């Protein structure tokens, strides 16, 4: 398993960051995941009934990410944090996308708790994963666009491995190479907050919910926490 590291410059810029890294091995993405299907339907029904709605940019959880994006030069209304974009899509269409059970699980947990979430297929990760500022020389191939190569701007916060950038604008978009498919057997899921003092309990609830969705379809699950105080973990 690779190590996950939070670069010191990112830790200094965002000192209350807390990231839960949930790793699942022996993942069986090709079988039915009834708990995930039920959660998706529950959220959509609650939205239709008017008893719940996803967090929007007026919510402190989303507002914090907008502020962070602006700090490294990204306009969050053009390039939205993942949880913001997902919540807006749900509010507009009334449904969440169905990609595959593992992706559907973290999407549902993300929008329910108002926290960004993502995942990497560890069999396609090279070396360690580092959350750091881009230096402008890195390459990135967006999810669903295998023929496209982008170069993140210097100062943009990115996830990287030894080969290339894995996410742009911290959590706006994932790379094509490490995307999670039904065949992914070793996956690292990440859940993030910039305000651990305020929202750490939400992060723990989200991580626990994700574990419960993954457990019936995995051989082993582990949970680690990455923060300025614990800046490296081995997944």
C-alpha atoms as a PDB file:
ATOM      1  CA  UNK A   1       0.000   0.000   0.000  1.00  0.00           C
ATOM      2  CA  UNK A   2       1.272   3.514  -0.739  1.00  0.00           C
ATOM      3  CA  UNK A   3       1.853   6.174   1.873  1.00  0.00           C
ATOM      4  CA  UNK A   4      -0.342   9.279   1.888  1.00  0.00           C
ATOM      5  CA  UNK A   5       1.380  12.551   2.792  1.00  0.00           C
ATOM      6  CA  UNK A   6       0.167  16.073   3.470  1.00  0.00           C
ATOM      7  CA  UNK A   7       2.877  18.497   2.357  1.00  0.00           C
ATOM      8  CA  UNK A   8       4.021  20.970   5.001  1.00  0.00           C
ATOM      9  CA  UNK A   9       3.099  24.003   2.881  1.00  0.00           C
ATOM     10  CA  UNK A  10      -0.491  22.762   2.512  1.00  0.00           C
ATOM     11  CA  UNK A  11      -0.651  21.946   6.227  1.00  0.00           C
ATOM     12  CA  UNK A  12       0.522  25.477   7.059  1.00  0.00           C
ATOM     13  CA  UNK A  13      -1.964  27.084   4.674  1.00  0.00           C
ATOM     14  CA  UNK A  14      -4.876  24.947   5.922  1.00  0.00           C
ATOM     15  CA  UNK A  15      -3.990  24.076   9.533  1.00  0.00           C
ATOM     16  CA  UNK A  16      -7.374  22.583  10.486  1.00  0.00           C
ATOM     17  CA  UNK A  17      -7.415  20.062   7.639  1.00  0.00           C
ATOM     18  CA  UNK A  18      -8.508  16.517   8.423  1.00  0.00           C
ATOM     19  CA  UNK A  19      -8.703  13.751   5.834  1.00  0.00           C
ATOM     20  CA  UNK A  20     -10.073  10.260   6.465  1.00  0.00           C
ATOM     21  CA  UNK A  21      -8.450   7.644   4.223  1.00  0.00           C
ATOM     22  CA  UNK A  22     -10.574   4.496   4.046  1.00  0.00           C
ATOM     23  CA  UNK A  23      -8.880   1.599   2.287  1.00  0.00           C
ATOM     24  CA  UNK A  24     -10.743  -1.444   1.038  1.00  0.00           C
ATOM     25  CA  UNK A  25      -9.073  -4.583  -0.277  1.00  0.00           C
ATOM     26  CA  UNK A  26     -10.737  -7.509  -1.992  1.00  0.00           C
ATOM     27  CA  UNK A  27     -13.455  -5.149  -3.183  1.00  0.00           C
ATOM     28  CA  UNK A  28     -16.215  -6.809  -5.187  1.00  0.00           C
ATOM     29  CA  UNK A  29     -17.692  -4.088  -7.348  1.00  0.00           C
ATOM     30  CA  UNK A  30     -19.490  -6.382  -9.752  1.00  0.00           C
ATOM     31  CA  UNK A  31     -22.092  -7.665  -7.318  1.00  0.00           C
ATOM     32  CA  UNK A  32     -25.276  -5.889  -6.141  1.00  0.00           C
ATOM     33  CA  UNK A  33     -24.819  -3.386  -3.287  1.00  0.00           C
ATOM     34  CA  UNK A  34     -28.366  -3.096  -1.900  1.00  0.00           C
ATOM     35  CA  UNK A  35     -27.419  -0.770   0.977  1.00  0.00           C
ATOM     36  CA  UNK A  36     -25.905   1.728  -1.427  1.00  0.00           C
ATOM     37  CA  UNK A  37     -28.889   1.518  -3.757  1.00  0.00           C
ATOM     38  CA  UNK A  38     -31.208   2.134  -0.801  1.00  0.00           C
ATOM     39  CA  UNK A  39     -29.189   5.158   0.377  1.00  0.00           C
ATOM     40  CA  UNK A  40     -29.310   6.750  -3.071  1.00  0.00           C
ATOM     41  CA  UNK A  41     -33.064   6.254  -3.264  1.00  0.00           C
ATOM     42  CA  UNK A  42     -33.508   7.589   0.280  1.00  0.00           C
ATOM     43  CA  UNK A  43     -31.644  10.816  -0.482  1.00  0.00           C
ATOM     44  CA  UNK A  44     -33.559  11.348  -3.705  1.00  0.00           C
ATOM     45  CA  UNK A  45     -36.875  10.728  -1.947  1.00  0.00           C
ATOM     46  CA  UNK A  46     -36.014  13.120   0.885  1.00  0.00           C
ATOM     47  CA  UNK A  47     -35.144  15.781  -1.676  1.00  0.00           C
ATOM     48  CA  UNK A  48     -38.435  15.197  -3.505  1.00  0.00           C
ATOM     49  CA  UNK A  49     -40.367  15.368  -0.209  1.00  0.00           C
ATOM     50  CA  UNK A  50     -38.628  18.583   0.801  1.00  0.00           C
ATOM     51  CA  UNK A  51     -37.332  17.057   4.051  1.00  0.00           C
ATOM     52  CA  UNK A  52     -33.659  17.414   3.114  1.00  0.00           C
ATOM     53  CA  UNK A  53     -31.540  19.258   0.610  1.00  0.00           C
ATOM     54  CA  UNK A  54     -27.822  19.135  -0.209  1.00  0.00           C
ATOM     55  CA  UNK A  55     -25.515  21.804   1.165  1.00  0.00           C
ATOM     56  CA  UNK A  56     -25.002  24.741  -1.189  1.00  0.00           C
ATOM     57  CA  UNK A  57     -22.422  27.516  -1.324  1.00  0.00           C
ATOM     58  CA  UNK A  58     -24.115  29.390   1.552  1.00  0.00           C
ATOM     59  CA  UNK A  59     -23.360  26.450   3.858  1.00  0.00           C
ATOM     60  CA  UNK A  60     -20.166  26.904   5.945  1.00  0.00           C
ATOM     61  CA  UNK A  61     -18.889  23.502   4.808  1.00  0.00           C
ATOM     62  CA  UNK A  62     -19.035  24.519   1.145  1.00  0.00           C
ATOM     63  CA  UNK A  63     -18.061  28.136   1.793  1.00  0.00           C
ATOM     64  CA  UNK A  64     -14.801  26.939   3.351  1.00  0.00           C
ATOM     65  CA  UNK A  65     -13.838  25.150   0.149  1.00  0.00           C
ATOM     66  CA  UNK A  66     -14.731  28.185  -1.958  1.00  0.00           C
ATOM     67  CA  UNK A  67     -12.405  30.265   0.209  1.00  0.00           C
ATOM     68  CA  UNK A  68      -9.647  27.673  -0.134  1.00  0.00           C
ATOM     69  CA  UNK A  69     -10.045  27.508  -3.907  1.00  0.00           C
ATOM     70  CA  UNK A  70      -9.757  31.269  -4.207  1.00  0.00           C
ATOM     71  CA  UNK A  71      -6.610  31.217  -2.072  1.00  0.00           C
ATOM     72  CA  UNK A  72      -4.788  29.124  -4.679  1.00  0.00           C
ATOM     73  CA  UNK A  73      -6.174  30.964  -7.679  1.00  0.00           C
ATOM     74  CA  UNK A  74      -9.207  28.864  -8.660  1.00  0.00           C
ATOM     75  CA  UNK A  75     -12.615  30.453  -9.190  1.00  0.00           C
ATOM     76  CA  UNK A  76     -14.941  28.075  -7.278  1.00  0.00           C
ATOM     77  CA  UNK A  77     -18.009  29.151  -9.222  1.00  0.00           C
ATOM     78  CA  UNK A  78     -16.445  28.096 -12.507  1.00  0.00           C
ATOM     79  CA  UNK A  79     -14.473  25.160 -11.133  1.00  0.00           C
ATOM     80  CA  UNK A  80     -16.492  23.851  -8.207  1.00  0.00           C
ATOM     81  CA  UNK A  81     -15.383  21.635  -5.317  1.00  0.00           C
ATOM     82  CA  UNK A  82     -16.641  18.105  -5.916  1.00  0.00           C
ATOM     83  CA  UNK A  83     -19.265  18.105  -3.163  1.00  0.00           C
ATOM     84  CA  UNK A  84     -20.611  21.466  -4.359  1.00  0.00           C
ATOM     85  CA  UNK A  85     -20.905  20.278  -7.963  1.00  0.00           C
ATOM     86  CA  UNK A  86     -22.533  17.007  -6.894  1.00  0.00           C
ATOM     87  CA  UNK A  87     -25.045  18.740  -4.636  1.00  0.00           C
ATOM     88  CA  UNK A  88     -25.990  21.226  -7.358  1.00  0.00           C
ATOM     89  CA  UNK A  89     -26.506  18.375  -9.821  1.00  0.00           C
ATOM     90  CA  UNK A  90     -28.728  16.539  -7.353  1.00  0.00           C
ATOM     91  CA  UNK A  91     -30.766  19.650  -6.548  1.00  0.00           C
ATOM     92  CA  UNK A  92     -31.296  20.383 -10.252  1.00  0.00           C
ATOM     93  CA  UNK A  93     -32.004  16.895 -11.567  1.00  0.00           C
ATOM     94  CA  UNK A  94     -33.437  15.201  -8.498  1.00  0.00           C
ATOM     95  CA  UNK A  95     -31.179  12.180  -8.924  1.00  0.00           C
ATOM     96  CA  UNK A  96     -27.606  11.180  -8.262  1.00  0.00           C
ATOM     97  CA  UNK A  97     -25.528   9.539 -10.989  1.00  0.00           C
ATOM     98  CA  UNK A  98     -25.152   5.755 -11.004  1.00  0.00           C
ATOM     99  CA  UNK A  99     -21.542   4.956 -11.968  1.00  0.00           C
ATOM    100  CA  UNK A 100     -20.684   1.761 -10.119  1.00  0.00           C
ATOM    101  CA  UNK A 101     -21.362   0.671  -6.521  1.00  0.00           C
ATOM    102  CA  UNK A 102     -18.079   1.919  -5.023  1.00  0.00           C
ATOM    103  CA  UNK A 103     -18.305   5.350  -6.664  1.00  0.00           C
ATOM    104  CA  UNK A 104     -22.029   5.576  -5.913  1.00  0.00           C
ATOM    105  CA  UNK A 105     -21.256   4.861  -2.239  1.00  0.00           C
ATOM    106  CA  UNK A 106     -18.804   7.690  -1.746  1.00  0.00           C
ATOM    107  CA  UNK A 107     -20.960  10.072  -3.793  1.00  0.00           C
ATOM    108  CA  UNK A 108     -23.948   9.374  -1.550  1.00  0.00           C
ATOM    109  CA  UNK A 109     -21.901   9.776   1.635  1.00  0.00           C
ATOM    110  CA  UNK A 110     -20.324  12.962   0.296  1.00  0.00           C
ATOM    111  CA  UNK A 111     -23.563  14.732  -0.549  1.00  0.00           C
ATOM    112  CA  UNK A 112     -25.323  13.510   2.592  1.00  0.00           C
ATOM    113  CA  UNK A 113     -22.658  14.943   4.907  1.00  0.00           C
ATOM    114  CA  UNK A 114     -21.608  17.939   2.811  1.00  0.00           C
ATOM    115  CA  UNK A 115     -17.981  16.825   2.602  1.00  0.00           C
ATOM    116  CA  UNK A 116     -15.816  16.229  -0.482  1.00  0.00           C
ATOM    117  CA  UNK A 117     -15.050  12.587  -1.220  1.00  0.00           C
ATOM    118  CA  UNK A 118     -13.044  10.730  -3.838  1.00  0.00           C
ATOM    119  CA  UNK A 119     -11.229   7.479  -4.472  1.00  0.00           C
ATOM    120  CA  UNK A 120      -8.178   6.000  -6.170  1.00  0.00           C
ATOM    121  CA  UNK A 121      -7.652   2.528  -7.611  1.00  0.00           C
ATOM    122  CA  UNK A 122      -4.449   1.625  -5.774  1.00  0.00           C
ATOM    123  CA  UNK A 123      -3.424  -0.881  -8.442  1.00  0.00           C
ATOM    124  CA  UNK A 124      -2.935   2.104 -10.757  1.00  0.00           C
ATOM    125  CA  UNK A 125      -1.168   4.388  -8.270  1.00  0.00           C
ATOM    126  CA  UNK A 126       2.609   4.698  -8.666  1.00  0.00           C
ATOM    127  CA  UNK A 127       4.552   5.331  -5.468  1.00  0.00           C
ATOM    128  CA  UNK A 128       3.214   7.508  -2.672  1.00  0.00           C
ATOM    129  CA  UNK A 129       0.276   9.914  -2.809  1.00  0.00           C
ATOM    130  CA  UNK A 130       1.081  13.497  -1.808  1.00  0.00           C
ATOM    131  CA  UNK A 131      -1.259  16.462  -1.318  1.00  0.00           C
ATOM    132  CA  UNK A 132       0.818  19.482  -2.274  1.00  0.00           C
ATOM    133  CA  UNK A 133       0.979  22.658  -4.312  1.00  0.00           C
ATOM    134  CA  UNK A 134       1.647  22.080  -7.999  1.00  0.00           C
ATOM    135  CA  UNK A 135       4.843  23.556  -9.405  1.00  0.00           C
ATOM    136  CA  UNK A 136       3.443  23.974 -12.920  1.00  0.00           C
ATOM    137  CA  UNK A 137       5.378  21.160 -14.570  1.00  0.00           C
ATOM    138  CA  UNK A 138       3.022  18.301 -13.734  1.00  0.00           C
ATOM    139  CA  UNK A 139       0.620  16.595 -16.123  1.00  0.00           C
ATOM    140  CA  UNK A 140      -2.987  15.573 -15.568  1.00  0.00           C
ATOM    141  CA  UNK A 141      -5.354  13.472 -17.685  1.00  0.00           C
ATOM    142  CA  UNK A 142      -8.978  14.121 -16.682  1.00  0.00           C
ATOM    143  CA  UNK A 143     -11.434  11.361 -15.907  1.00  0.00           C
ATOM    144  CA  UNK A 144     -13.196  10.289 -19.083  1.00  0.00           C
ATOM    145  CA  UNK A 145     -10.697  12.072 -21.342  1.00  0.00           C
ATOM    146  CA  UNK A 146      -7.809   9.626 -21.809  1.00  0.00           C
ATOM    147  CA  UNK A 147      -6.430  11.604 -24.756  1.00  0.00           C
ATOM    148  CA  UNK A 148      -6.258  14.924 -22.897  1.00  0.00           C
ATOM    149  CA  UNK A 149      -3.242  16.262 -21.003  1.00  0.00           C
ATOM    150  CA  UNK A 150      -3.508  19.344 -18.788  1.00  0.00           C
ATOM    151  CA  UNK A 151      -0.883  21.180 -16.746  1.00  0.00           C
ATOM    152  CA  UNK A 152      -2.120  22.439 -13.375  1.00  0.00           C
ATOM    153  CA  UNK A 153      -1.087  25.972 -12.539  1.00  0.00           C
ATOM    154  CA  UNK A 154       1.723  26.593 -10.092  1.00  0.00           C
ATOM    155  CA  UNK A 155       0.290  26.912  -6.582  1.00  0.00           C
ATOM    156  CA  UNK A 156      -2.850  24.867  -7.243  1.00  0.00           C
ATOM    157  CA  UNK A 157      -3.409  22.211  -4.562  1.00  0.00           C
ATOM    158  CA  UNK A 158      -3.336  18.730  -6.097  1.00  0.00           C
ATOM    159  CA  UNK A 159      -3.077  15.070  -5.194  1.00  0.00           C
ATOM    160  CA  UNK A 160      -0.106  13.507  -6.985  1.00  0.00           C
ATOM    161  CA  UNK A 161       1.735  10.228  -7.179  1.00  0.00           C
ATOM    162  CA  UNK A 162       5.181   9.555  -8.638  1.00  0.00           C
ATOM    163  CA  UNK A 163       3.815   9.678 -12.194  1.00  0.00           C
ATOM    164  CA  UNK A 164       1.304  12.524 -12.490  1.00  0.00           C
ATOM    165  CA  UNK A 165      -1.462  14.518 -10.862  1.00  0.00           C
ATOM    166  CA  UNK A 166      -4.356  12.443  -9.487  1.00  0.00           C
ATOM    167  CA  UNK A 167      -6.798  15.285  -8.748  1.00  0.00           C
ATOM    168  CA  UNK A 168      -6.944  18.924  -9.825  1.00  0.00           C
ATOM    169  CA  UNK A 169      -8.009  21.876  -7.664  1.00  0.00           C
ATOM    170  CA  UNK A 170      -7.651  19.655  -4.569  1.00  0.00           C
ATOM    171  CA  UNK A 171     -10.892  17.721  -5.167  1.00  0.00           C
ATOM    172  CA  UNK A 172     -12.577  19.170  -8.249  1.00  0.00           C
ATOM    173  CA  UNK A 173     -11.781  16.376 -10.707  1.00  0.00           C
ATOM    174  CA  UNK A 174     -10.095  12.972 -10.649  1.00  0.00           C
ATOM    175  CA  UNK A 175      -7.580  11.522 -13.074  1.00  0.00           C
ATOM    176  CA  UNK A 176      -8.517   8.915 -15.635  1.00  0.00           C
ATOM    177  CA  UNK A 177      -5.678   6.516 -14.749  1.00  0.00           C
ATOM    178  CA  UNK A 178      -6.683   5.922 -11.136  1.00  0.00           C
ATOM    179  CA  UNK A 179     -10.473   5.965 -11.644  1.00  0.00           C
ATOM    180  CA  UNK A 180     -12.484   3.388  -9.712  1.00  0.00           C
ATOM    181  CA  UNK A 181     -14.333   0.820 -11.828  1.00  0.00           C
ATOM    182  CA  UNK A 182     -16.332  -2.328 -11.059  1.00  0.00           C
ATOM    183  CA  UNK A 183     -13.072  -4.265 -11.428  1.00  0.00           C
ATOM    184  CA  UNK A 184     -11.126  -2.209  -8.871  1.00  0.00           C
ATOM    185  CA  UNK A 185     -10.089  -4.518  -6.019  1.00  0.00           C
ATOM    186  CA  UNK A 186      -7.836  -2.230  -3.920  1.00  0.00           C
ATOM    187  CA  UNK A 187      -9.247   1.233  -3.397  1.00  0.00           C
ATOM    188  CA  UNK A 188      -8.427   4.197  -1.164  1.00  0.00           C
ATOM    189  CA  UNK A 189     -11.394   6.466  -0.454  1.00  0.00           C
ATOM    190  CA  UNK A 190     -10.821   9.959   0.950  1.00  0.00           C
ATOM    191  CA  UNK A 191     -13.197  12.228   2.868  1.00  0.00           C
ATOM    192  CA  UNK A 192     -12.074  15.777   3.625  1.00  0.00           C
ATOM    193  CA  UNK A 193     -12.761  18.783   5.826  1.00  0.00           C
ATOM    194  CA  UNK A 194     -10.875  22.045   6.208  1.00  0.00           C
ATOM    195  CA  UNK A 195     -12.413  22.656   9.652  1.00  0.00           C
ATOM    196  CA  UNK A 196     -11.730  19.653  11.876  1.00  0.00           C
ATOM    197  CA  UNK A 197     -12.628  21.562  15.043  1.00  0.00           C
ATOM    198  CA  UNK A 198     -16.075  22.343  13.685  1.00  0.00           C
ATOM    199  CA  UNK A 199     -16.810  19.424  11.355  1.00  0.00           C
ATOM    200  CA  UNK A 200     -14.598  16.592  12.571  1.00  0.00           C
ATOM    201  CA  UNK A 201     -17.621  14.773  13.976  1.00  0.00           C
ATOM    202  CA  UNK A 202     -19.270  14.923  10.551  1.00  0.00           C
ATOM    203  CA  UNK A 203     -16.149  13.454   8.992  1.00  0.00           C
ATOM    204  CA  UNK A 204     -16.229  10.565  11.459  1.00  0.00           C
ATOM    205  CA  UNK A 205     -19.914   9.942  10.777  1.00  0.00           C
ATOM    206  CA  UNK A 206     -19.255   9.965   7.042  1.00  0.00           C
ATOM    207  CA  UNK A 207     -16.281   7.610   7.354  1.00  0.00           C
ATOM    208  CA  UNK A 208     -18.331   5.209   9.477  1.00  0.00           C
ATOM    209  CA  UNK A 209     -21.195   5.275   6.988  1.00  0.00           C
ATOM    210  CA  UNK A 210     -18.825   4.602   4.102  1.00  0.00           C
ATOM    211  CA  UNK A 211     -17.252   1.699   5.994  1.00  0.00           C
ATOM    212  CA  UNK A 212     -20.682   0.179   6.555  1.00  0.00           C
ATOM    213  CA  UNK A 213     -21.464   0.396   2.840  1.00  0.00           C
ATOM    214  CA  UNK A 214     -18.124  -1.140   1.868  1.00  0.00           C
ATOM    215  CA  UNK A 215     -17.876  -3.885   4.495  1.00  0.00           C
ATOM    216  CA  UNK A 216     -20.287  -6.434   2.957  1.00  0.00           C
ATOM    217  CA  UNK A 217     -18.354  -6.239  -0.324  1.00  0.00           C
ATOM    218  CA  UNK A 218     -14.729  -6.143   0.909  1.00  0.00           C
ATOM    219  CA  UNK A 219     -12.269  -8.567   2.453  1.00  0.00           C
ATOM    220  CA  UNK A 220     -10.635  -5.943   4.657  1.00  0.00           C
ATOM    221  CA  UNK A 221     -11.164  -2.275   5.534  1.00  0.00           C
ATOM    222  CA  UNK A 222      -8.833   0.116   7.341  1.00  0.00           C
ATOM    223  CA  UNK A 223      -9.280   3.759   8.314  1.00  0.00           C
ATOM    224  CA  UNK A 224      -6.485   6.292   8.786  1.00  0.00           C
ATOM    225  CA  UNK A 225      -6.485  10.026   9.407  1.00  0.00           C
ATOM    226  CA  UNK A 226      -4.237  12.576   7.765  1.00  0.00           C
ATOM    227  CA  UNK A 227      -3.741  16.006   9.338  1.00  0.00           C
ATOM    228  CA  UNK A 228      -1.013  18.578  10.004  1.00  0.00           C
ATOM    229  CA  UNK A 229      -0.265  16.721  13.238  1.00  0.00           C
ATOM    230  CA  UNK A 230      -0.198  13.334  11.466  1.00  0.00           C
ATOM    231  CA  UNK A 231       1.098  14.294   8.040  1.00  0.00           C
ATOM    232  CA  UNK A 232       1.896  10.801   6.755  1.00  0.00           C
ATOM    233  CA  UNK A 233       0.035   7.527   6.961  1.00  0.00           C
ATOM    234  CA  UNK A 234       0.556   4.173   5.275  1.00  0.00           C
ATOM    235  CA  UNK A 235      -2.639   2.963   3.714  1.00  0.00           C
END
